[in-house]
Amino acid sequence: MGERFEDGMRVRRAVLGDAHVDRAEAAQTAFDEPFQTFITEGAWGSVWAREGLTPRDRSLITLSLLAAGGHWDEVAMHIRATAHTGATPGEVREALLHVAVYAGVPAANHALKIAKATYAEMGVDP
């Protein structure tokens, strides 16, 4: 694999944690390998690896966009990632309030429900 893939895998592990990435890698098949490579190079190696925003900032932006788009499984995954990015529950709450104003109350409401449940699973009192 190339440098962008290696950068992406480094950032992916830093944000999502080794256990998550190891599970995803173990579940990978020939069918989804091109997709996994694409997201590792594109999302993690091209966008998340860039300078200009901190991992915390990217985390909050990502959570907002995922909530606005109704991507609930990804919201939970990126709530768990806040343990690595430094985004606090209070900051996540504020980002989701922005979602309510700019993308709709139902999206923010559901994202808050997922965030509360995910934080509870993590043993975090938001």
C-alpha atoms as a PDB file:
ATOM      1  CA  MET A   1       0.000   0.000   0.000  1.00  0.00           C
ATOM      2  CA  GLY A   2       1.039   3.595  -0.558  1.00  0.00           C
ATOM      3  CA  GLU A   3       1.842   6.511   1.691  1.00  0.00           C
ATOM      4  CA  ARG A   4      -1.736   7.838   1.724  1.00  0.00           C
ATOM      5  CA  PHE A   5      -2.989   4.443   2.899  1.00  0.00           C
ATOM      6  CA  GLU A   6      -0.318   4.286   5.611  1.00  0.00           C
ATOM      7  CA  ASP A   7      -1.122   7.838   6.771  1.00  0.00           C
ATOM      8  CA  GLY A   8      -4.809   6.952   6.727  1.00  0.00           C
ATOM      9  CA  MET A   9      -4.325   3.814   8.766  1.00  0.00           C
ATOM     10  CA  ARG A  10      -2.228   5.718  11.321  1.00  0.00           C
ATOM     11  CA  VAL A  11      -4.924   8.394  11.718  1.00  0.00           C
ATOM     12  CA  ARG A  12      -7.762   5.858  11.646  1.00  0.00           C
ATOM     13  CA  ARG A  13      -6.140   3.931  14.506  1.00  0.00           C
ATOM     14  CA  ALA A  14      -5.473   7.149  16.447  1.00  0.00           C
ATOM     15  CA  VAL A  15      -9.102   8.272  16.128  1.00  0.00           C
ATOM     16  CA  LEU A  16     -11.069   5.015  16.300  1.00  0.00           C
ATOM     17  CA  GLY A  17      -8.651   2.954  18.384  1.00  0.00           C
ATOM     18  CA  ASP A  18      -6.728  -0.185  17.555  1.00  0.00           C
ATOM     19  CA  ALA A  19      -9.488  -2.537  18.723  1.00  0.00           C
ATOM     20  CA  HIS A  20     -12.057  -1.036  16.336  1.00  0.00           C
ATOM     21  CA  VAL A  21      -9.681  -1.025  13.366  1.00  0.00           C
ATOM     22  CA  ASP A  22      -8.480  -4.554  14.141  1.00  0.00           C
ATOM     23  CA  ARG A  23     -12.110  -5.787  14.164  1.00  0.00           C
ATOM     24  CA  ALA A  24     -12.817  -4.037  10.873  1.00  0.00           C
ATOM     25  CA  GLU A  25      -9.680  -5.469   9.305  1.00  0.00           C
ATOM     26  CA  ALA A  26     -10.504  -8.986  10.529  1.00  0.00           C
ATOM     27  CA  ALA A  27     -14.004  -8.738   9.044  1.00  0.00           C
ATOM     28  CA  GLN A  28     -12.758  -7.460   5.701  1.00  0.00           C
ATOM     29  CA  THR A  29     -13.330  -9.682   2.683  1.00  0.00           C
ATOM     30  CA  ALA A  30     -12.329  -9.519  -0.961  1.00  0.00           C
ATOM     31  CA  PHE A  31     -15.779  -8.004  -1.601  1.00  0.00           C
ATOM     32  CA  ASP A  32     -15.337  -4.950   0.649  1.00  0.00           C
ATOM     33  CA  GLU A  33     -11.545  -4.566   0.513  1.00  0.00           C
ATOM     34  CA  PRO A  34     -11.694  -1.911  -2.247  1.00  0.00           C
ATOM     35  CA  PHE A  35     -14.136   0.111  -0.141  1.00  0.00           C
ATOM     36  CA  GLN A  36     -12.005  -0.243   3.000  1.00  0.00           C
ATOM     37  CA  THR A  37      -8.955   0.922   1.051  1.00  0.00           C
ATOM     38  CA  PHE A  38     -10.929   3.831  -0.384  1.00  0.00           C
ATOM     39  CA  ILE A  39     -12.080   5.119   3.013  1.00  0.00           C
ATOM     40  CA  THR A  40      -8.655   4.580   4.582  1.00  0.00           C
ATOM     41  CA  GLU A  41      -6.972   6.564   1.817  1.00  0.00           C
ATOM     42  CA  GLY A  42      -9.719   9.094   1.158  1.00  0.00           C
ATOM     43  CA  ALA A  43     -11.342   9.879   4.480  1.00  0.00           C
ATOM     44  CA  TRP A  44      -8.503   9.081   6.843  1.00  0.00           C
ATOM     45  CA  GLY A  45      -5.419   9.613   4.654  1.00  0.00           C
ATOM     46  CA  SER A  46      -6.596  12.665   2.718  1.00  0.00           C
ATOM     47  CA  VAL A  47      -9.003  14.548   4.999  1.00  0.00           C
ATOM     48  CA  TRP A  48      -8.369  13.493   8.605  1.00  0.00           C
ATOM     49  CA  ALA A  49      -4.587  13.518   8.089  1.00  0.00           C
ATOM     50  CA  ARG A  50      -4.551  17.132   6.894  1.00  0.00           C
ATOM     51  CA  GLU A  51      -3.216  19.984   8.961  1.00  0.00           C
ATOM     52  CA  GLY A  52      -5.464  22.941   9.693  1.00  0.00           C
ATOM     53  CA  LEU A  53      -7.944  21.381  12.119  1.00  0.00           C
ATOM     54  CA  THR A  54      -7.317  19.390  15.259  1.00  0.00           C
ATOM     55  CA  PRO A  55      -8.663  15.854  15.645  1.00  0.00           C
ATOM     56  CA  ARG A  56     -11.119  17.346  18.171  1.00  0.00           C
ATOM     57  CA  ASP A  57     -12.377  19.857  15.607  1.00  0.00           C
ATOM     58  CA  ARG A  58     -12.700  17.170  12.928  1.00  0.00           C
ATOM     59  CA  SER A  59     -14.523  14.964  15.401  1.00  0.00           C
ATOM     60  CA  LEU A  60     -17.137  17.625  16.149  1.00  0.00           C
ATOM     61  CA  ILE A  61     -17.602  18.451  12.466  1.00  0.00           C
ATOM     62  CA  THR A  62     -17.921  14.780  11.588  1.00  0.00           C
ATOM     63  CA  LEU A  63     -20.487  14.134  14.312  1.00  0.00           C
ATOM     64  CA  SER A  64     -22.534  17.103  13.157  1.00  0.00           C
ATOM     65  CA  LEU A  65     -22.505  15.976   9.539  1.00  0.00           C
ATOM     66  CA  LEU A  66     -23.321  12.378  10.422  1.00  0.00           C
ATOM     67  CA  ALA A  67     -26.227  13.471  12.592  1.00  0.00           C
ATOM     68  CA  ALA A  68     -27.518  15.856   9.922  1.00  0.00           C
ATOM     69  CA  GLY A  69     -27.402  13.013   7.405  1.00  0.00           C
ATOM     70  CA  GLY A  70     -29.067  10.495   9.701  1.00  0.00           C
ATOM     71  CA  HIS A  71     -26.100   8.112   9.708  1.00  0.00           C
ATOM     72  CA  TRP A  72     -26.844   6.676  13.134  1.00  0.00           C
ATOM     73  CA  ASP A  73     -24.353   3.784  13.299  1.00  0.00           C
ATOM     74  CA  GLU A  74     -21.600   6.191  12.345  1.00  0.00           C
ATOM     75  CA  VAL A  75     -22.765   8.678  15.002  1.00  0.00           C
ATOM     76  CA  ALA A  76     -22.268   6.009  17.669  1.00  0.00           C
ATOM     77  CA  MET A  77     -18.859   5.050  16.249  1.00  0.00           C
ATOM     78  CA  HIS A  78     -17.701   8.669  16.282  1.00  0.00           C
ATOM     79  CA  ILE A  79     -19.060   9.250  19.797  1.00  0.00           C
ATOM     80  CA  ARG A  80     -16.803   6.371  20.865  1.00  0.00           C
ATOM     81  CA  ALA A  81     -13.952   8.030  18.950  1.00  0.00           C
ATOM     82  CA  THR A  82     -14.219  11.137  21.139  1.00  0.00           C
ATOM     83  CA  ALA A  83     -12.287   9.160  23.746  1.00  0.00           C
ATOM     84  CA  HIS A  84      -9.325   9.534  21.365  1.00  0.00           C
ATOM     85  CA  THR A  85     -10.023  12.936  19.780  1.00  0.00           C
ATOM     86  CA  GLY A  86     -10.566  14.943  22.943  1.00  0.00           C
ATOM     87  CA  ALA A  87     -14.050  16.190  22.056  1.00  0.00           C
ATOM     88  CA  THR A  88     -15.924  16.448  25.340  1.00  0.00           C
ATOM     89  CA  PRO A  89     -19.552  15.476  25.914  1.00  0.00           C
ATOM     90  CA  GLY A  90     -20.333  19.169  26.433  1.00  0.00           C
ATOM     91  CA  GLU A  91     -18.779  20.057  23.085  1.00  0.00           C
ATOM     92  CA  VAL A  92     -20.676  17.221  21.392  1.00  0.00           C
ATOM     93  CA  ARG A  93     -23.901  18.514  22.933  1.00  0.00           C
ATOM     94  CA  GLU A  94     -23.179  22.005  21.570  1.00  0.00           C
ATOM     95  CA  ALA A  95     -22.431  20.614  18.107  1.00  0.00           C
ATOM     96  CA  LEU A  96     -25.718  18.713  18.146  1.00  0.00           C
ATOM     97  CA  LEU A  97     -27.571  21.900  19.124  1.00  0.00           C
ATOM     98  CA  HIS A  98     -26.179  23.378  15.899  1.00  0.00           C
ATOM     99  CA  VAL A  99     -27.533  20.351  14.069  1.00  0.00           C
ATOM    100  CA  ALA A 100     -30.975  21.113  15.498  1.00  0.00           C
ATOM    101  CA  VAL A 101     -30.912  24.653  14.141  1.00  0.00           C
ATOM    102  CA  TYR A 102     -29.335  24.005  10.756  1.00  0.00           C
ATOM    103  CA  ALA A 103     -30.406  20.440   9.896  1.00  0.00           C
ATOM    104  CA  GLY A 104     -33.509  19.823  11.973  1.00  0.00           C
ATOM    105  CA  VAL A 105     -34.665  19.009  15.472  1.00  0.00           C
ATOM    106  CA  PRO A 106     -35.526  15.352  14.715  1.00  0.00           C
ATOM    107  CA  ALA A 107     -31.966  14.639  13.530  1.00  0.00           C
ATOM    108  CA  ALA A 108     -30.434  16.280  16.588  1.00  0.00           C
ATOM    109  CA  ASN A 109     -32.907  14.592  18.914  1.00  0.00           C
ATOM    110  CA  HIS A 110     -32.055  11.151  17.590  1.00  0.00           C
ATOM    111  CA  ALA A 111     -28.319  11.886  17.632  1.00  0.00           C
ATOM    112  CA  LEU A 112     -28.565  13.026  21.268  1.00  0.00           C
ATOM    113  CA  LYS A 113     -30.362   9.786  22.126  1.00  0.00           C
ATOM    114  CA  ILE A 114     -27.574   7.783  20.474  1.00  0.00           C
ATOM    115  CA  ALA A 115     -24.892   9.903  22.142  1.00  0.00           C
ATOM    116  CA  LYS A 116     -26.419   9.359  25.603  1.00  0.00           C
ATOM    117  CA  ALA A 117     -26.643   5.602  25.069  1.00  0.00           C
ATOM    118  CA  THR A 118     -23.114   5.403  23.664  1.00  0.00           C
ATOM    119  CA  TYR A 119     -21.640   7.471  26.481  1.00  0.00           C
ATOM    120  CA  ALA A 120     -23.431   5.182  28.962  1.00  0.00           C
ATOM    121  CA  GLU A 121     -21.858   2.132  27.264  1.00  0.00           C
ATOM    122  CA  MET A 122     -18.482   3.871  27.553  1.00  0.00           C
ATOM    123  CA  GLY A 123     -19.049   4.599  31.251  1.00  0.00           C
ATOM    124  CA  VAL A 124     -18.992   8.353  30.581  1.00  0.00           C
ATOM    125  CA  ASP A 125     -21.425  10.615  32.434  1.00  0.00           C
ATOM    126  CA  PRO A 126     -22.203  13.362  29.924  1.00  0.00           C
END
